[in-house]
């Protein structure tokens, strides 16, 4: 029987949602979650011998360390193939699938396959390197995605070469990033009007404009005049996994508005053409650190804001 290792995030490993996104790499015996369906689709000739997992935040914030540990866990199972996902439209999960597949193919010399939506930021970096099964945006497409993936896995395990983007059902194209010249810097910040634009789902409590938590189709504008702090009594986050800030930063620059993109995913932002990029602390709190006490975190937030404002003054942009 051919041996398959399946990579999933903390949610599909059954360890929890966003509250468990910091989970370090680990392994479970056999098929777990969507792997159970995939195993039944594969038939008698192949089986999932182990499921390796990692929390989405943990991988993105510790990519080198997490990748090394995941490779150890994968190698220990002696697989004939690694399958990662499906990640659908989940950006952090997709980036992790891409990173693990790329590393396993290069370091372990085994065939690899992943599955995700074309819009997923993980698809673009690897679509020319490994087969990426194209899926829908949400897990509602799970059955179809696993059927297509299982069919390709069976073919690859018989020795057939499936080239990246070589046939229907695989991601062939991708987002082509055009160069955008950075907008001129702001010479006098004291008389400038500064907008805070976030894709963190921050809305007044009760979400009066009905902003969607995932794949949002519209935005809201809320005044912050005279507010020193945004408190939990007045505001809440309805974030559910969308990630569009990298493209938004570039389009604002294209429109002549100097923009600083504060993000933990610096390489993704740079690859999509953003020019002024400030590295934030972590995905769920780019402008803060909840491990600090209130005064220390306030000083950290101020320092990051001051750095961002200084970058707005730069005439050529910075990455």
Protein backbone atom coordinates (compact mmCIF):
# COMPACT_ATOMS: atom_id res chain seq x y z
CA UNK A 1 0.00 0.00 0.00
CA UNK A 2 1.25 3.46 -0.89
CA UNK A 3 1.76 5.75 2.09
CA UNK A 4 0.35 9.30 2.18
CA UNK A 5 0.88 12.03 4.77
CA UNK A 6 -1.83 14.68 4.96
CA UNK A 7 -1.09 18.23 6.16
CA UNK A 8 -3.94 20.26 7.72
CA UNK A 9 -4.27 23.31 9.95
CA UNK A 10 -5.48 23.31 13.55
CA UNK A 11 -9.14 23.58 12.56
CA UNK A 12 -9.24 20.56 10.27
CA UNK A 13 -7.12 18.61 12.76
CA UNK A 14 -10.01 19.05 15.19
CA UNK A 15 -8.02 21.16 17.65
CA UNK A 16 -10.11 24.34 17.50
CA UNK A 17 -10.58 27.53 15.50
CA UNK A 18 -8.88 30.92 15.82
CA UNK A 19 -8.31 30.39 19.53
CA UNK A 20 -5.98 27.50 18.60
CA UNK A 21 -4.21 29.16 15.67
CA UNK A 22 -0.99 29.31 17.70
CA UNK A 23 -0.78 25.50 17.95
CA UNK A 24 2.74 24.20 17.17
CA UNK A 25 3.40 21.33 14.72
CA UNK A 26 2.22 17.90 15.70
CA UNK A 27 1.14 14.58 14.27
CA UNK A 28 -1.86 12.27 14.54
CA UNK A 29 -2.04 8.68 13.47
CA UNK A 30 -3.98 7.93 10.30
CA UNK A 31 -6.59 10.10 8.60
CA UNK A 32 -8.28 12.96 10.45
CA UNK A 33 -11.06 15.34 9.39
CA UNK A 34 -11.19 15.72 5.58
CA UNK A 35 -8.53 13.02 5.37
CA UNK A 36 -11.19 10.44 6.23
CA UNK A 37 -13.16 11.29 3.11
CA UNK A 38 -10.00 11.39 1.03
CA UNK A 39 -8.96 7.96 2.30
CA UNK A 40 -12.27 6.42 1.23
CA UNK A 41 -11.92 7.98 -2.22
CA UNK A 42 -8.44 6.54 -2.69
CA UNK A 43 -9.52 2.92 -2.48
CA UNK A 44 -7.36 -0.03 -1.49
CA UNK A 45 -4.06 0.93 -3.11
CA UNK A 46 -3.16 3.88 -0.91
CA UNK A 47 -3.81 5.15 2.59
CA UNK A 48 -3.19 8.14 4.83
CA UNK A 49 -0.76 6.85 7.43
CA UNK A 50 -0.36 10.13 9.34
CA UNK A 51 -1.86 13.59 9.62
CA UNK A 52 0.57 16.41 10.43
CA UNK A 53 -0.78 19.77 11.52
CA UNK A 54 0.20 23.26 12.58
CA UNK A 55 -1.76 26.32 13.68
CA UNK A 56 -2.07 28.95 10.97
CA UNK A 57 -0.67 31.76 13.12
CA UNK A 58 2.15 29.61 14.46
CA UNK A 59 3.31 28.72 10.97
CA UNK A 60 3.18 32.28 9.63
CA UNK A 61 4.99 33.71 12.65
CA UNK A 62 7.61 30.92 12.90
CA UNK A 63 7.84 29.69 9.31
CA UNK A 64 11.43 28.45 9.31
CA UNK A 65 11.19 26.67 12.64
CA UNK A 66 7.71 25.26 11.92
CA UNK A 67 8.71 24.00 8.48
CA UNK A 68 11.76 22.21 9.87
CA UNK A 69 9.67 20.48 12.53
CA UNK A 70 6.95 19.52 10.06
CA UNK A 71 9.54 17.99 7.74
CA UNK A 72 10.77 15.85 10.64
CA UNK A 73 7.23 14.63 11.32
CA UNK A 74 6.55 13.96 7.64
CA UNK A 75 9.83 12.09 7.12
CA UNK A 76 9.15 9.91 10.17
CA UNK A 77 6.03 8.53 8.48
CA UNK A 78 8.05 7.44 5.40
CA UNK A 79 5.46 8.70 2.89
CA UNK A 80 5.28 8.15 -0.84
CA UNK A 81 3.39 11.45 -1.23
CA UNK A 82 2.39 14.54 0.74
CA UNK A 83 -1.06 16.08 0.30
CA UNK A 84 -1.81 19.47 1.90
CA UNK A 85 -5.24 21.03 2.32
CA UNK A 86 -7.64 21.78 0.77
CA UNK A 87 -7.18 25.36 1.98
CA UNK A 88 -9.95 26.93 -0.16
CA UNK A 89 -9.79 30.73 0.25
CA UNK A 90 -8.07 30.74 3.66
CA UNK A 91 -4.89 32.76 3.10
CA UNK A 92 -2.85 31.72 6.14
CA UNK A 93 -3.72 28.05 5.62
CA UNK A 94 -2.91 28.30 1.91
CA UNK A 95 0.47 29.91 2.55
CA UNK A 96 1.30 27.13 5.02
CA UNK A 97 0.25 24.42 2.51
CA UNK A 98 2.44 26.06 -0.12
CA UNK A 99 5.43 26.32 2.21
CA UNK A 100 5.18 22.75 3.49
CA UNK A 101 4.75 21.30 0.00
CA UNK A 102 7.66 23.26 -1.43
CA UNK A 103 9.94 22.20 1.43
CA UNK A 104 8.88 18.54 1.37
CA UNK A 105 9.37 18.29 -2.38
CA UNK A 106 12.82 19.85 -2.19
CA UNK A 107 14.13 18.30 1.03
CA UNK A 108 12.45 14.89 1.09
CA UNK A 109 12.25 14.30 -2.66
CA UNK A 110 8.65 13.08 -2.59
CA UNK A 111 5.73 14.03 -4.83
CA UNK A 112 3.52 16.75 -3.35
CA UNK A 113 0.05 18.05 -4.09
CA UNK A 114 -2.11 20.77 -2.59
CA UNK A 115 -5.53 22.29 -3.22
CA UNK A 116 -6.88 25.82 -2.80
CA UNK A 117 -8.82 28.61 -4.49
CA UNK A 118 -7.23 30.72 -7.22
CA UNK A 119 -7.69 33.79 -4.99
CA UNK A 120 -5.65 32.24 -2.18
CA UNK A 121 -2.29 34.05 -1.73
CA UNK A 122 -0.65 30.65 -1.32
CA UNK A 123 -1.47 29.62 -4.88
CA UNK A 124 0.52 32.20 -6.79
CA UNK A 125 4.03 31.40 -5.47
CA UNK A 126 3.82 27.67 -6.21
CA UNK A 127 1.43 27.24 -9.14
CA UNK A 128 4.38 26.85 -11.55
CA UNK A 129 6.25 24.44 -9.24
CA UNK A 130 3.72 21.83 -8.06
CA UNK A 131 0.21 20.72 -9.01
CA UNK A 132 -2.41 22.85 -7.23
CA UNK A 133 -5.99 21.59 -7.47
CA UNK A 134 -8.35 24.51 -7.98
CA UNK A 135 -11.15 24.65 -5.41
CA UNK A 136 -14.01 26.92 -4.49
CA UNK A 137 -13.64 29.67 -1.90
CA UNK A 138 -15.15 27.79 1.04
CA UNK A 139 -15.32 24.31 2.53
CA UNK A 140 -18.71 23.91 0.89
CA UNK A 141 -16.63 22.65 -2.04
CA UNK A 142 -14.92 20.02 0.13
CA UNK A 143 -16.35 16.89 -1.49
CA UNK A 144 -15.57 17.99 -5.05
CA UNK A 145 -12.11 19.23 -4.04
CA UNK A 146 -11.25 15.92 -2.41
CA UNK A 147 -12.58 13.91 -5.35
CA UNK A 148 -10.37 15.84 -7.77
CA UNK A 149 -7.40 15.61 -5.42
CA UNK A 150 -7.82 11.87 -4.82
CA UNK A 151 -7.94 11.24 -8.56
CA UNK A 152 -4.64 13.06 -9.06
CA UNK A 153 -3.05 11.38 -6.04
CA UNK A 154 -3.90 7.94 -7.47
CA UNK A 155 -2.35 8.85 -10.83
CA UNK A 156 0.81 10.30 -9.28
CA UNK A 157 1.29 7.22 -7.09
CA UNK A 158 1.24 4.98 -10.17
CA UNK A 159 4.22 6.91 -11.51
CA UNK A 160 2.39 9.30 -13.83
CA UNK A 161 3.85 12.79 -14.09
CA UNK A 162 1.28 15.53 -13.51
CA UNK A 163 2.89 18.82 -14.41
CA UNK A 164 1.80 22.03 -12.66
CA UNK A 165 -1.10 23.70 -14.47
CA UNK A 166 -1.05 21.04 -17.18
CA UNK A 167 -4.74 20.15 -17.26
CA UNK A 168 -8.27 21.15 -16.40
CA UNK A 169 -8.88 21.35 -12.67
CA UNK A 170 -5.38 22.58 -11.83
CA UNK A 171 -4.54 26.22 -11.27
CA UNK A 172 -2.91 27.38 -14.48
CA UNK A 173 -2.91 31.12 -14.31
CA UNK A 174 -2.62 33.40 -11.34
CA UNK A 175 -2.54 37.02 -10.34
CA UNK A 176 -0.12 38.99 -12.45
CA UNK A 177 1.33 41.80 -10.40
CA UNK A 178 1.86 45.08 -12.20
CA UNK A 179 4.39 47.61 -11.03
CA UNK A 180 2.89 50.64 -9.33
CA UNK A 181 5.00 53.70 -8.65
CA UNK A 182 4.65 54.85 -5.03
CA UNK A 183 2.66 58.02 -4.51
CA UNK A 184 4.70 61.08 -3.43
CA UNK A 185 5.36 61.26 0.29
CA UNK A 186 3.61 63.70 2.60
CA UNK A 187 5.96 66.56 3.52
CA UNK A 188 3.79 68.12 6.24
CA UNK A 189 2.06 65.48 8.37
CA UNK A 190 0.80 68.17 10.73
CA UNK A 191 -1.73 69.36 8.14
CA UNK A 192 -2.49 65.98 6.53
CA UNK A 193 -5.69 63.99 6.89
CA UNK A 194 -4.73 60.39 7.73
CA UNK A 195 -7.12 57.49 7.15
CA UNK A 196 -6.93 54.24 9.10
CA UNK A 197 -7.94 51.44 6.71
CA UNK A 198 -8.21 47.93 8.12
CA UNK A 199 -9.32 44.53 6.88
CA UNK A 200 -9.49 43.32 10.47
CA UNK A 201 -13.28 43.50 10.50
CA UNK A 202 -13.30 46.38 13.01
CA UNK A 203 -16.83 47.80 13.23
CA UNK A 204 -18.99 49.64 15.76
CA UNK A 205 -20.54 47.18 18.15
CA UNK A 206 -23.55 45.54 16.57
CA UNK A 207 -22.06 45.78 13.04
CA UNK A 208 -24.61 48.36 11.81
CA UNK A 209 -23.60 48.04 8.14
CA UNK A 210 -23.72 44.25 8.08
CA UNK A 211 -20.07 43.78 7.07
CA UNK A 212 -19.55 40.12 6.16
CA UNK A 213 -17.02 38.19 8.20
CA UNK A 214 -15.67 36.37 5.13
CA UNK A 215 -15.41 37.34 1.45
CA UNK A 216 -16.86 40.74 2.27
CA UNK A 217 -18.44 42.66 -0.62
CA UNK A 218 -18.58 46.17 0.88
CA UNK A 219 -16.93 48.36 3.48
CA UNK A 220 -17.93 50.83 6.17
CA UNK A 221 -16.55 54.24 7.11
CA UNK A 222 -16.57 55.32 10.76
CA UNK A 223 -15.36 58.59 12.28
CA UNK A 224 -12.70 58.47 14.98
CA UNK A 225 -12.62 62.18 15.83
CA UNK A 226 -11.74 62.92 19.47
CA UNK A 227 -11.24 59.23 20.29
CA UNK A 228 -8.09 58.42 22.22
CA UNK A 229 -8.87 54.70 22.40
CA UNK A 230 -11.12 52.20 20.62
CA UNK A 231 -12.74 50.27 23.44
CA UNK A 232 -14.51 46.91 23.41
CA UNK A 233 -17.63 48.68 24.64
CA UNK A 234 -17.85 50.61 21.36
CA UNK A 235 -16.16 48.41 18.76
CA UNK A 236 -15.86 44.74 17.86
CA UNK A 237 -14.19 42.63 15.19
CA UNK A 238 -16.24 40.51 12.78
CA UNK A 239 -13.13 39.16 11.07
CA UNK A 240 -13.60 35.68 9.65
CA UNK A 241 -10.48 35.08 7.57
CA UNK A 242 -10.53 37.55 4.67
CA UNK A 243 -7.19 39.03 3.63
CA UNK A 244 -7.20 41.76 0.98
CA UNK A 245 -5.01 44.47 2.46
CA UNK A 246 -1.99 43.55 0.33
CA UNK A 247 -3.86 44.38 -2.90
CA UNK A 248 -5.65 47.37 -1.39
CA UNK A 249 -2.34 49.04 -0.44
CA UNK A 250 -1.14 48.85 -4.04
CA UNK A 251 -4.38 50.22 -5.46
CA UNK A 252 -4.37 53.16 -3.04
CA UNK A 253 -0.84 54.00 -4.19
CA UNK A 254 -2.01 53.72 -7.79
CA UNK A 255 -4.68 56.30 -6.97
CA UNK A 256 -2.06 58.73 -5.70
CA UNK A 257 -2.58 58.14 -1.97
CA UNK A 258 0.66 57.28 -0.10
CA UNK A 259 -0.05 54.13 1.90
CA UNK A 260 1.79 52.16 4.57
CA UNK A 261 0.78 48.51 4.79
CA UNK A 262 1.32 47.24 8.35
CA UNK A 263 1.32 43.45 8.20
CA UNK A 264 2.92 40.33 9.61
CA UNK A 265 2.96 38.78 6.10
CA UNK A 266 5.66 41.05 4.72
CA UNK A 267 6.79 38.79 1.87
CA UNK A 268 3.25 38.38 0.57
CA UNK A 269 2.68 42.14 0.61
CA UNK A 270 5.98 42.77 -1.20
CA UNK A 271 5.23 40.13 -3.84
CA UNK A 272 1.94 41.83 -4.70
CA UNK A 273 3.55 45.21 -5.21
CA UNK A 274 3.00 47.18 -2.00
CA UNK A 275 5.75 49.78 -1.58
CA UNK A 276 5.65 51.04 2.00
CA UNK A 277 5.54 47.98 4.26
CA UNK A 278 5.95 47.97 8.03
CA UNK A 279 6.33 44.63 9.77
CA UNK A 280 3.70 44.21 12.48
CA UNK A 281 3.97 41.99 15.54
CA UNK A 282 1.60 39.14 14.65
CA UNK A 283 -1.39 38.35 12.44
CA UNK A 284 -4.11 38.88 15.07
CA UNK A 285 -2.48 42.00 16.55
CA UNK A 286 -0.17 43.79 14.11
CA UNK A 287 -0.24 46.99 16.18
CA UNK A 288 0.07 45.45 19.62
CA UNK A 289 1.18 42.61 21.85
CA UNK A 290 -1.30 41.26 24.44
CA UNK A 291 1.55 39.62 26.36
CA UNK A 292 2.68 43.10 27.50
CA UNK A 293 1.05 45.10 30.27
CA UNK A 294 -1.18 48.01 29.27
CA UNK A 295 1.48 50.74 29.55
CA UNK A 296 4.13 48.75 27.66
CA UNK A 297 1.69 47.86 24.91
CA UNK A 298 0.61 51.49 24.59
CA UNK A 299 4.25 52.50 24.10
CA UNK A 300 4.68 49.75 21.50
CA UNK A 301 1.58 50.88 19.62
CA UNK A 302 2.77 54.48 19.63
CA UNK A 303 6.20 53.47 18.33
CA UNK A 304 4.69 51.48 15.44
CA UNK A 305 2.32 54.31 14.53
CA UNK A 306 5.20 56.80 14.55
CA UNK A 307 7.22 54.50 12.27
CA UNK A 308 4.27 54.22 9.89
CA UNK A 309 3.83 58.00 9.79
CA UNK A 310 7.52 58.49 9.05
CA UNK A 311 7.21 56.07 6.14
CA UNK A 312 4.35 58.16 4.74
CA UNK A 313 6.80 61.03 4.38
CA UNK A 314 9.21 59.00 2.21
CA UNK A 315 9.25 60.12 -1.40
CA UNK A 316 10.09 56.76 -3.00
CA UNK A 317 8.38 54.29 -0.67
CA UNK A 318 10.13 51.49 1.18
CA UNK A 319 9.80 47.76 1.53
